[in-house]
Amino acid sequence: MLYFNYILAMLGGAAVSVYLPMIAQSSRIMGSPFMGNVPFFGIAFATSVIISLLAGQRLGDYAKMADVPVWMFLAGIVSALMIILSSYLIPRVGPAAFFVLLVSGQILIGFVINQFGLLGVPVQPMNLVKGIGGLLVISGAALVAFGSGS
């Protein structure tokens, strides 16, 4: 089951690799990195509701949103800003550089979150092997982003 989850994570990454450039293209067509994001959030909301209902959630289950701490709704703001940022940056730095730098940032923050068990995740302390892996990913990102000499 663990490998299945790893494969799902990779497929999710592959989907994001197509999805964000699509939004960047929409932003170009609409003339604004801010506007390119807007239609997708409406569709994402409707899709999320439909999938949750098909998965067996009931309309009453939506009342549980009141139990979510207000600060956690900042994730929606972060999501919107990340998508706007991708709409702005992908045409300027290219998708390969954007994605490797994005993943590098995720890894660095992931190490901090794991180290201290932030946001309710189990503590997974940093060790030498993880540190070397992180350095290799960040080194690879630097080679992709800056290795062309241009």
C-alpha atoms as a PDB file:
ATOM      1  CA  MET A   1       0.000   0.000   0.000  1.00  0.00           C
ATOM      2  CA  LEU A   2       2.910   2.344   0.713  1.00  0.00           C
ATOM      3  CA  TYR A   3       4.176   2.082  -2.866  1.00  0.00           C
ATOM      4  CA  PHE A   4       0.682   2.753  -4.164  1.00  0.00           C
ATOM      5  CA  ASN A   5       0.624   5.965  -2.127  1.00  0.00           C
ATOM      6  CA  TYR A   6       4.034   6.952  -3.502  1.00  0.00           C
ATOM      7  CA  ILE A   7       2.774   6.368  -7.034  1.00  0.00           C
ATOM      8  CA  LEU A   8      -0.325   8.468  -6.291  1.00  0.00           C
ATOM      9  CA  ALA A   9       1.925  11.260  -5.017  1.00  0.00           C
ATOM     10  CA  MET A  10       3.977  11.125  -8.210  1.00  0.00           C
ATOM     11  CA  LEU A  11       0.819  11.176 -10.332  1.00  0.00           C
ATOM     12  CA  GLY A  12      -0.338  14.201  -8.348  1.00  0.00           C
ATOM     13  CA  GLY A  13       2.958  15.894  -9.099  1.00  0.00           C
ATOM     14  CA  ALA A  14       2.565  15.031 -12.773  1.00  0.00           C
ATOM     15  CA  ALA A  15      -0.937  16.517 -12.756  1.00  0.00           C
ATOM     16  CA  VAL A  16       0.322  19.739 -11.161  1.00  0.00           C
ATOM     17  CA  SER A  17       3.047  19.870 -13.811  1.00  0.00           C
ATOM     18  CA  VAL A  18       0.327  20.135 -16.457  1.00  0.00           C
ATOM     19  CA  TYR A  19      -2.237  22.076 -14.443  1.00  0.00           C
ATOM     20  CA  LEU A  20      -0.103  25.092 -13.499  1.00  0.00           C
ATOM     21  CA  PRO A  21       1.172  25.774 -17.036  1.00  0.00           C
ATOM     22  CA  MET A  22      -2.469  25.534 -18.209  1.00  0.00           C
ATOM     23  CA  ILE A  23      -3.395  28.260 -15.734  1.00  0.00           C
ATOM     24  CA  ALA A  24      -0.365  30.305 -16.835  1.00  0.00           C
ATOM     25  CA  GLN A  25      -1.634  30.032 -20.425  1.00  0.00           C
ATOM     26  CA  SER A  26      -5.120  31.072 -19.303  1.00  0.00           C
ATOM     27  CA  SER A  27      -3.567  34.047 -17.530  1.00  0.00           C
ATOM     28  CA  ARG A  28      -1.778  35.034 -20.734  1.00  0.00           C
ATOM     29  CA  ILE A  29      -5.016  34.780 -22.709  1.00  0.00           C
ATOM     30  CA  MET A  30      -6.913  36.785 -20.087  1.00  0.00           C
ATOM     31  CA  GLY A  31      -4.088  39.324 -19.825  1.00  0.00           C
ATOM     32  CA  SER A  32      -3.529  38.964 -16.086  1.00  0.00           C
ATOM     33  CA  PRO A  33      -1.975  36.412 -13.731  1.00  0.00           C
ATOM     34  CA  PHE A  34      -4.680  37.402 -11.257  1.00  0.00           C
ATOM     35  CA  MET A  35      -7.606  36.748 -13.612  1.00  0.00           C
ATOM     36  CA  GLY A  36      -6.262  33.459 -14.981  1.00  0.00           C
ATOM     37  CA  ASN A  37      -6.817  31.888 -11.577  1.00  0.00           C
ATOM     38  CA  VAL A  38     -10.431  32.937 -11.013  1.00  0.00           C
ATOM     39  CA  PRO A  39     -12.433  30.505 -13.176  1.00  0.00           C
ATOM     40  CA  PHE A  40     -10.519  27.487 -11.932  1.00  0.00           C
ATOM     41  CA  PHE A  41     -11.364  28.026  -8.290  1.00  0.00           C
ATOM     42  CA  GLY A  42     -15.074  27.999  -9.084  1.00  0.00           C
ATOM     43  CA  ILE A  43     -14.678  24.756 -10.987  1.00  0.00           C
ATOM     44  CA  ALA A  44     -12.431  23.321  -8.241  1.00  0.00           C
ATOM     45  CA  PHE A  45     -15.056  24.163  -5.611  1.00  0.00           C
ATOM     46  CA  ALA A  46     -17.886  22.564  -7.585  1.00  0.00           C
ATOM     47  CA  THR A  47     -15.759  19.476  -8.331  1.00  0.00           C
ATOM     48  CA  SER A  48     -14.818  19.130  -4.640  1.00  0.00           C
ATOM     49  CA  VAL A  49     -18.451  19.274  -3.565  1.00  0.00           C
ATOM     50  CA  ILE A  50     -19.538  16.762  -6.205  1.00  0.00           C
ATOM     51  CA  ILE A  51     -16.735  14.312  -5.359  1.00  0.00           C
ATOM     52  CA  SER A  52     -17.424  14.598  -1.616  1.00  0.00           C
ATOM     53  CA  LEU A  53     -21.131  13.888  -2.185  1.00  0.00           C
ATOM     54  CA  LEU A  54     -20.358  10.941  -4.477  1.00  0.00           C
ATOM     55  CA  ALA A  55     -17.969   9.638  -1.797  1.00  0.00           C
ATOM     56  CA  GLY A  56     -20.829   9.508   0.691  1.00  0.00           C
ATOM     57  CA  GLN A  57     -20.660  12.838   2.505  1.00  0.00           C
ATOM     58  CA  ARG A  58     -24.016  14.309   3.418  1.00  0.00           C
ATOM     59  CA  LEU A  59     -25.019  17.950   3.210  1.00  0.00           C
ATOM     60  CA  GLY A  60     -25.049  18.070   7.026  1.00  0.00           C
ATOM     61  CA  ASP A  61     -21.364  17.144   7.038  1.00  0.00           C
ATOM     62  CA  TYR A  62     -20.564  20.583   5.659  1.00  0.00           C
ATOM     63  CA  ALA A  63     -21.561  22.066   9.032  1.00  0.00           C
ATOM     64  CA  LYS A  64     -18.309  20.582  10.390  1.00  0.00           C
ATOM     65  CA  MET A  65     -16.470  23.385   8.592  1.00  0.00           C
ATOM     66  CA  ALA A  66     -17.441  25.568  11.566  1.00  0.00           C
ATOM     67  CA  ASP A  67     -15.134  23.362  13.697  1.00  0.00           C
ATOM     68  CA  VAL A  68     -12.090  24.178  11.572  1.00  0.00           C
ATOM     69  CA  PRO A  69      -9.961  26.874  13.221  1.00  0.00           C
ATOM     70  CA  VAL A  70     -10.219  30.134  11.299  1.00  0.00           C
ATOM     71  CA  TRP A  71      -6.473  30.362  10.738  1.00  0.00           C
ATOM     72  CA  MET A  72      -6.573  27.110   8.733  1.00  0.00           C
ATOM     73  CA  PHE A  73      -8.670  28.808   6.068  1.00  0.00           C
ATOM     74  CA  LEU A  74      -5.503  30.720   5.214  1.00  0.00           C
ATOM     75  CA  ALA A  75      -4.674  27.635   3.147  1.00  0.00           C
ATOM     76  CA  GLY A  76      -7.145  28.941   0.562  1.00  0.00           C
ATOM     77  CA  ILE A  77      -5.249  32.226   0.395  1.00  0.00           C
ATOM     78  CA  VAL A  78      -1.928  30.379   0.100  1.00  0.00           C
ATOM     79  CA  SER A  79      -3.382  28.237  -2.686  1.00  0.00           C
ATOM     80  CA  ALA A  80      -4.597  31.258  -4.632  1.00  0.00           C
ATOM     81  CA  LEU A  81      -1.279  33.066  -4.189  1.00  0.00           C
ATOM     82  CA  MET A  82       0.695  30.010  -5.269  1.00  0.00           C
ATOM     83  CA  ILE A  83      -1.362  29.658  -8.416  1.00  0.00           C
ATOM     84  CA  ILE A  84      -1.080  33.364  -9.201  1.00  0.00           C
ATOM     85  CA  LEU A  85       2.666  33.118  -8.596  1.00  0.00           C
ATOM     86  CA  SER A  86       2.915  30.190 -11.001  1.00  0.00           C
ATOM     87  CA  SER A  87       0.925  32.112 -13.607  1.00  0.00           C
ATOM     88  CA  TYR A  88       3.409  34.941 -13.300  1.00  0.00           C
ATOM     89  CA  LEU A  89       6.629  32.918 -13.087  1.00  0.00           C
ATOM     90  CA  ILE A  90       6.164  29.998 -15.520  1.00  0.00           C
ATOM     91  CA  PRO A  91       6.208  32.254 -18.607  1.00  0.00           C
ATOM     92  CA  ARG A  92       9.271  34.075 -17.217  1.00  0.00           C
ATOM     93  CA  VAL A  93      11.484  31.254 -15.884  1.00  0.00           C
ATOM     94  CA  GLY A  94       9.984  28.228 -17.662  1.00  0.00           C
ATOM     95  CA  PRO A  95       8.150  25.272 -16.193  1.00  0.00           C
ATOM     96  CA  ALA A  96      11.242  23.152 -15.446  1.00  0.00           C
ATOM     97  CA  ALA A  97      12.984  25.834 -13.382  1.00  0.00           C
ATOM     98  CA  PHE A  98       9.716  26.805 -11.711  1.00  0.00           C
ATOM     99  CA  PHE A  99       8.907  23.249 -10.649  1.00  0.00           C
ATOM    100  CA  VAL A 100      12.358  22.333  -9.354  1.00  0.00           C
ATOM    101  CA  LEU A 101      12.498  25.567  -7.354  1.00  0.00           C
ATOM    102  CA  LEU A 102       8.953  24.961  -6.097  1.00  0.00           C
ATOM    103  CA  VAL A 103       9.876  21.455  -4.966  1.00  0.00           C
ATOM    104  CA  SER A 104      13.061  22.756  -3.320  1.00  0.00           C
ATOM    105  CA  GLY A 105      11.020  25.208  -1.276  1.00  0.00           C
ATOM    106  CA  GLN A 106       8.608  22.431  -0.352  1.00  0.00           C
ATOM    107  CA  ILE A 107      11.452  20.203   0.785  1.00  0.00           C
ATOM    108  CA  LEU A 108      13.045  22.902   2.929  1.00  0.00           C
ATOM    109  CA  ILE A 109       9.767  23.729   4.665  1.00  0.00           C
ATOM    110  CA  GLY A 110       8.906  20.023   4.846  1.00  0.00           C
ATOM    111  CA  PHE A 111      12.098  19.436   6.826  1.00  0.00           C
ATOM    112  CA  VAL A 112      11.105  22.135   9.323  1.00  0.00           C
ATOM    113  CA  ILE A 113       7.542  20.815   9.612  1.00  0.00           C
ATOM    114  CA  ASN A 114       8.815  17.254  10.143  1.00  0.00           C
ATOM    115  CA  GLN A 115      11.510  18.272  12.610  1.00  0.00           C
ATOM    116  CA  PHE A 116       9.093  20.016  14.945  1.00  0.00           C
ATOM    117  CA  GLY A 117       5.868  18.137  14.164  1.00  0.00           C
ATOM    118  CA  LEU A 118       4.159  21.329  13.048  1.00  0.00           C
ATOM    119  CA  LEU A 119       0.585  21.391  11.746  1.00  0.00           C
ATOM    120  CA  GLY A 120      -0.244  18.130  13.488  1.00  0.00           C
ATOM    121  CA  VAL A 121       2.158  15.880  11.574  1.00  0.00           C
ATOM    122  CA  PRO A 122       4.262  13.306  13.418  1.00  0.00           C
ATOM    123  CA  VAL A 123       7.769  14.399  14.386  1.00  0.00           C
ATOM    124  CA  GLN A 124      10.332  12.986  11.961  1.00  0.00           C
ATOM    125  CA  PRO A 125      13.714  14.383  12.977  1.00  0.00           C
ATOM    126  CA  MET A 126      16.297  15.382  10.407  1.00  0.00           C
ATOM    127  CA  ASN A 127      19.152  12.954   9.941  1.00  0.00           C
ATOM    128  CA  LEU A 128      22.226  12.764   7.746  1.00  0.00           C
ATOM    129  CA  VAL A 129      20.570  10.726   4.983  1.00  0.00           C
ATOM    130  CA  LYS A 130      17.593  13.117   4.736  1.00  0.00           C
ATOM    131  CA  GLY A 131      19.976  16.084   4.780  1.00  0.00           C
ATOM    132  CA  ILE A 132      22.031  14.631   1.926  1.00  0.00           C
ATOM    133  CA  GLY A 133      18.842  13.886  -0.036  1.00  0.00           C
ATOM    134  CA  GLY A 134      17.636  17.457   0.476  1.00  0.00           C
ATOM    135  CA  LEU A 135      20.999  18.866  -0.621  1.00  0.00           C
ATOM    136  CA  LEU A 136      20.923  16.693  -3.741  1.00  0.00           C
ATOM    137  CA  VAL A 137      17.424  17.899  -4.652  1.00  0.00           C
ATOM    138  CA  ILE A 138      18.358  21.533  -4.074  1.00  0.00           C
ATOM    139  CA  SER A 139      21.620  21.078  -6.008  1.00  0.00           C
ATOM    140  CA  GLY A 140      19.654  19.540  -8.872  1.00  0.00           C
ATOM    141  CA  ALA A 141      17.225  22.453  -8.767  1.00  0.00           C
ATOM    142  CA  ALA A 142      20.135  24.884  -9.015  1.00  0.00           C
ATOM    143  CA  LEU A 143      21.518  22.983 -12.010  1.00  0.00           C
ATOM    144  CA  VAL A 144      18.135  23.028 -13.772  1.00  0.00           C
ATOM    145  CA  ALA A 145      17.367  26.661 -12.952  1.00  0.00           C
ATOM    146  CA  PHE A 146      20.818  28.174 -13.486  1.00  0.00           C
ATOM    147  CA  GLY A 147      22.748  25.579 -15.470  1.00  0.00           C
ATOM    148  CA  SER A 148      21.937  26.844 -18.968  1.00  0.00           C
ATOM    149  CA  GLY A 149      24.294  29.783 -18.642  1.00  0.00           C
ATOM    150  CA  SER A 150      21.604  32.233 -19.722  1.00  0.00           C
END
